[in-house]
């Protein structure tokens, strides 16, 4: 479930970034990169667990959903930190 949540979020962030690529003032390229990196990492983890340990590929439970939204929250928090440090609108430099 957490792989699906991160993959959907990565897809949405990429579409938003691509639509506003000329004026990326909210630095959505960082958000999409973070989410795609996490999605690829967890996809490889799922493949490894499925092949070597016989786990089911998509774990659908409330714990998996909570983990997925927690990972999404951490990715958004990391993106917000990058956004505040870079300060593209020069809010903190006034």
Protein backbone atom coordinates (compact mmCIF):
# COMPACT_ATOMS: atom_id res chain seq x y z
CA UNK A 1 0.00 0.00 0.00
CA UNK A 2 2.81 2.41 0.81
CA UNK A 3 4.39 1.82 -2.58
CA UNK A 4 1.11 2.78 -4.23
CA UNK A 5 0.70 5.92 -2.09
CA UNK A 6 4.22 7.15 -2.87
CA UNK A 7 3.91 6.28 -6.56
CA UNK A 8 0.62 8.16 -6.94
CA UNK A 9 2.08 11.15 -5.10
CA UNK A 10 5.18 11.05 -7.35
CA UNK A 11 2.99 10.96 -10.44
CA UNK A 12 0.90 13.92 -9.26
CA UNK A 13 3.99 15.94 -8.29
CA UNK A 14 5.58 15.25 -11.67
CA UNK A 15 2.47 16.37 -13.54
CA UNK A 16 2.30 19.56 -11.47
CA UNK A 17 5.99 20.23 -12.02
CA UNK A 18 5.73 19.62 -15.76
CA UNK A 19 2.78 21.96 -16.13
CA UNK A 20 4.71 24.73 -14.32
CA UNK A 21 8.24 23.87 -15.48
CA UNK A 22 8.92 27.30 -16.94
CA UNK A 23 8.20 29.04 -13.64
CA UNK A 24 9.01 26.47 -10.97
CA UNK A 25 8.81 28.90 -8.05
CA UNK A 26 7.64 26.20 -5.62
CA UNK A 27 10.50 23.89 -6.58
CA UNK A 28 8.27 20.96 -7.46
CA UNK A 29 11.21 19.32 -9.22
CA UNK A 30 12.68 18.55 -5.79
CA UNK A 31 9.40 17.09 -4.57
CA UNK A 32 9.01 14.87 -7.62
CA UNK A 33 12.64 13.75 -7.37
CA UNK A 34 12.25 12.85 -3.70
CA UNK A 35 9.03 10.94 -4.32
CA UNK A 36 10.31 9.10 -7.40
CA UNK A 37 13.50 8.15 -5.57
CA UNK A 38 11.50 6.74 -2.67
CA UNK A 39 9.10 4.96 -5.04
CA UNK A 40 11.94 3.28 -6.94
CA UNK A 41 13.67 2.31 -3.71
CA UNK A 42 10.51 0.75 -2.26
CA UNK A 43 9.69 -0.94 -5.59
CA UNK A 44 13.05 -2.72 -5.48
CA UNK A 45 12.39 -3.60 -1.83
CA UNK A 46 9.02 -5.11 -2.79
CA UNK A 47 10.57 -7.13 -5.62
CA UNK A 48 13.28 -8.44 -3.30
CA UNK A 49 10.76 -9.42 -0.62
CA UNK A 50 8.49 -11.04 -3.18
CA UNK A 51 11.23 -13.11 -4.84
CA UNK A 52 13.43 -14.06 -1.89
CA UNK A 53 11.06 -14.13 1.05
CA UNK A 54 7.76 -15.01 -0.59
CA UNK A 55 5.94 -11.97 0.74
CA UNK A 56 2.89 -10.67 -1.06
CA UNK A 57 3.73 -7.87 -3.46
CA UNK A 58 1.10 -5.36 -2.29
CA UNK A 59 0.40 -5.40 1.41
CA UNK A 60 -3.05 -3.93 1.93
CA UNK A 61 -3.69 -3.23 5.60
CA UNK A 62 -4.27 -0.28 7.87
CA UNK A 63 -0.65 -0.44 9.05
CA UNK A 64 0.62 -0.27 5.47
CA UNK A 65 -1.64 2.72 4.76
CA UNK A 66 -0.41 4.51 7.90
CA UNK A 67 3.19 3.81 6.86
CA UNK A 68 2.50 5.13 3.36
CA UNK A 69 1.01 8.39 4.61
CA UNK A 70 3.83 8.76 7.15
CA UNK A 71 6.41 8.39 4.38
CA UNK A 72 4.51 10.91 2.26
CA UNK A 73 4.46 13.31 5.23
CA UNK A 74 8.24 12.95 5.65
CA UNK A 75 8.81 13.59 1.93
CA UNK A 76 6.63 16.71 2.07
CA UNK A 77 8.45 17.88 5.19
CA UNK A 78 11.80 17.43 3.46
CA UNK A 79 10.54 19.35 0.41
CA UNK A 80 9.21 22.14 2.64
CA UNK A 81 12.60 22.38 4.38
CA UNK A 82 14.36 22.69 1.01
CA UNK A 83 11.80 25.29 -0.06
CA UNK A 84 12.36 27.37 3.08
CA UNK A 85 16.15 27.17 2.80
CA UNK A 86 16.20 28.15 -0.88
CA UNK A 87 13.55 30.87 -0.32
CA UNK A 88 12.61 31.40 -3.99
CA UNK A 89 10.24 34.30 -3.27
CA UNK A 90 12.81 36.06 -1.05
CA UNK A 91 10.39 36.22 1.90
CA UNK A 92 13.06 35.81 4.58
CA UNK A 93 15.59 38.14 2.97
CA UNK A 94 13.41 41.24 3.19
